[in-house]
């Protein structure tokens, strides 16, 4: 049994589309009182279904034109701790995923240009003792890129 009812799903859809809607606007859309909307949002936050509210920034408008995915690999398990620490400290890394297959992790990075990507790879990633290999894919264009979930 899901802890989300149809009203919660509708609320999540509205908030993911525009989290700046007023409680009254959301209530009107969902046919709920603003106080009920507020209570539901608080419950969703308390239950960690909503993990935060964020501004979506256009990367190109702030000079971060290059998007790349980097596969990272090593053979010795102790490398993982240093790698995860380095990733957590890096503003360039948007996502980090432990993956199956020939690689240990896949990271998504946003930087200004290829020169900055080269610097990131050399100074941040490849400086990690025991990191053996990387493979970088530079994104030419994105047909779809969303952060909202179809709940």
Protein backbone atom coordinates (compact mmCIF):
# COMPACT_ATOMS: atom_id res chain seq x y z
CA UNK A 1 0.00 0.00 0.00
CA UNK A 2 1.37 3.40 -1.03
CA UNK A 3 1.65 6.15 1.55
CA UNK A 4 0.71 8.61 -1.20
CA UNK A 5 -2.91 9.11 -2.15
CA UNK A 6 -4.06 10.77 -5.38
CA UNK A 7 -4.18 14.18 -3.69
CA UNK A 8 -0.55 13.81 -2.56
CA UNK A 9 0.44 12.80 -6.09
CA UNK A 10 -1.33 15.83 -7.51
CA UNK A 11 0.33 18.06 -4.93
CA UNK A 12 3.77 16.65 -5.79
CA UNK A 13 3.13 17.15 -9.50
CA UNK A 14 2.16 20.79 -8.95
CA UNK A 15 5.13 21.50 -6.68
CA UNK A 16 7.58 19.88 -9.08
CA UNK A 17 6.23 22.00 -11.90
CA UNK A 18 6.23 25.25 -9.88
CA UNK A 19 7.11 25.29 -6.19
CA UNK A 20 6.34 29.01 -5.99
CA UNK A 21 2.59 28.51 -6.20
CA UNK A 22 0.75 29.88 -3.19
CA UNK A 23 -1.10 27.55 -0.86
CA UNK A 24 -4.32 29.14 -2.10
CA UNK A 25 -3.43 28.44 -5.76
CA UNK A 26 -2.57 24.83 -4.98
CA UNK A 27 -5.70 24.46 -2.89
CA UNK A 28 -7.84 25.82 -5.71
CA UNK A 29 -6.30 23.36 -8.16
CA UNK A 30 -6.69 20.38 -5.80
CA UNK A 31 -9.98 21.57 -4.26
CA UNK A 32 -8.49 21.79 -0.77
CA UNK A 33 -8.28 24.49 1.88
CA UNK A 34 -4.87 26.24 2.01
CA UNK A 35 -4.41 25.00 5.60
CA UNK A 36 -4.90 21.40 4.38
CA UNK A 37 -2.36 21.97 1.59
CA UNK A 38 0.10 23.32 4.16
CA UNK A 39 -0.44 20.28 6.42
CA UNK A 40 0.10 17.89 3.52
CA UNK A 41 3.30 19.66 2.44
CA UNK A 42 4.63 19.53 6.01
CA UNK A 43 3.82 15.80 6.20
CA UNK A 44 5.56 15.13 2.87
CA UNK A 45 8.65 17.00 4.10
CA UNK A 46 8.57 15.25 7.50
CA UNK A 47 8.34 11.85 5.75
CA UNK A 48 11.26 12.85 3.49
CA UNK A 49 9.17 12.49 0.34
CA UNK A 50 9.99 16.13 -0.38
CA UNK A 51 13.69 16.62 0.27
CA UNK A 52 13.87 20.36 -0.39
CA UNK A 53 12.86 23.30 -2.52
CA UNK A 54 15.34 24.64 -5.06
CA UNK A 55 15.73 27.19 -7.83
CA UNK A 56 16.40 25.67 -11.24
CA UNK A 57 19.32 27.65 -12.69
CA UNK A 58 20.00 27.80 -16.43
CA UNK A 59 23.63 26.56 -16.63
CA UNK A 60 24.46 28.42 -19.84
CA UNK A 61 23.31 31.73 -18.34
CA UNK A 62 25.87 31.34 -15.55
CA UNK A 63 28.74 30.28 -17.81
CA UNK A 64 28.56 26.51 -17.35
CA UNK A 65 28.19 25.48 -20.98
CA UNK A 66 29.86 22.07 -20.86
CA UNK A 67 28.00 18.98 -19.62
CA UNK A 68 29.87 15.71 -19.41
CA UNK A 69 29.49 12.23 -17.98
CA UNK A 70 32.59 10.52 -16.63
CA UNK A 71 32.94 6.82 -15.95
CA UNK A 72 35.47 6.15 -13.20
CA UNK A 73 37.17 2.87 -12.34
CA UNK A 74 39.64 1.28 -9.95
CA UNK A 75 40.51 -2.19 -8.67
CA UNK A 76 41.27 -1.57 -4.99
CA UNK A 77 38.22 -1.03 -2.71
CA UNK A 78 39.98 1.54 -0.50
CA UNK A 79 39.99 4.01 -3.42
CA UNK A 80 36.23 4.48 -3.01
CA UNK A 81 36.51 6.51 0.22
CA UNK A 82 38.90 9.07 -1.29
CA UNK A 83 36.86 9.23 -4.49
CA UNK A 84 33.58 9.86 -2.65
CA UNK A 85 35.20 12.54 -0.50
CA UNK A 86 36.59 14.30 -3.59
CA UNK A 87 33.21 14.11 -5.35
CA UNK A 88 31.39 15.52 -2.31
CA UNK A 89 33.77 18.50 -2.21
CA UNK A 90 33.51 19.32 -5.92
CA UNK A 91 31.06 21.95 -7.14
CA UNK A 92 31.48 20.61 -10.67
CA UNK A 93 29.92 17.23 -9.81
CA UNK A 94 26.13 17.31 -10.08
CA UNK A 95 25.46 13.59 -9.69
CA UNK A 96 27.42 10.51 -8.67
CA UNK A 97 26.10 6.99 -9.25
CA UNK A 98 27.51 3.61 -8.23
CA UNK A 99 26.98 1.47 -11.33
CA UNK A 100 27.20 -2.10 -12.55
CA UNK A 101 29.46 -3.27 -15.34
CA UNK A 102 33.08 -2.42 -16.08
CA UNK A 103 33.05 0.86 -14.15
CA UNK A 104 32.71 1.67 -10.46
CA UNK A 105 30.93 5.04 -10.73
CA UNK A 106 29.37 7.39 -13.24
CA UNK A 107 29.48 11.10 -12.47
CA UNK A 108 27.71 14.01 -14.15
CA UNK A 109 29.73 17.24 -14.26
CA UNK A 110 29.01 20.81 -15.38
CA UNK A 111 31.89 23.13 -16.23
CA UNK A 112 32.56 26.21 -18.33
CA UNK A 113 34.55 24.59 -21.15
CA UNK A 114 36.86 21.74 -22.20
CA UNK A 115 39.84 23.46 -20.58
CA UNK A 116 38.05 23.34 -17.21
CA UNK A 117 37.07 19.71 -17.86
CA UNK A 118 40.71 18.83 -18.53
CA UNK A 119 41.73 20.58 -15.30
CA UNK A 120 38.97 18.78 -13.35
CA UNK A 121 40.05 15.39 -14.67
CA UNK A 122 43.76 15.97 -14.05
CA UNK A 123 43.68 17.82 -10.74
CA UNK A 124 40.61 16.43 -9.02
CA UNK A 125 39.89 12.93 -10.32
CA UNK A 126 43.20 11.55 -11.52
CA UNK A 127 44.97 12.88 -8.43
CA UNK A 128 43.18 10.22 -6.36
CA UNK A 129 45.64 7.46 -5.45
CA UNK A 130 44.55 4.15 -6.98
CA UNK A 131 42.11 5.58 -9.49
CA UNK A 132 43.00 3.63 -12.60
CA UNK A 133 40.88 4.82 -15.48
CA UNK A 134 38.21 7.24 -16.66
CA UNK A 135 36.12 7.58 -19.79
CA UNK A 136 34.53 10.94 -20.52
CA UNK A 137 31.49 11.58 -22.69
CA UNK A 138 30.88 15.23 -23.62
CA UNK A 139 27.24 16.11 -24.25
CA UNK A 140 26.64 17.89 -27.55
CA UNK A 141 22.98 18.62 -26.86
CA UNK A 142 20.22 17.39 -24.59
CA UNK A 143 16.86 16.35 -26.02
CA UNK A 144 15.39 15.94 -22.54
CA UNK A 145 16.64 16.80 -19.09
CA UNK A 146 14.18 16.88 -16.20
CA UNK A 147 14.42 16.63 -12.45
CA UNK A 148 10.77 16.01 -11.70
CA UNK A 149 9.53 12.50 -10.97
CA UNK A 150 6.35 11.03 -12.43
CA UNK A 151 4.80 9.97 -9.13
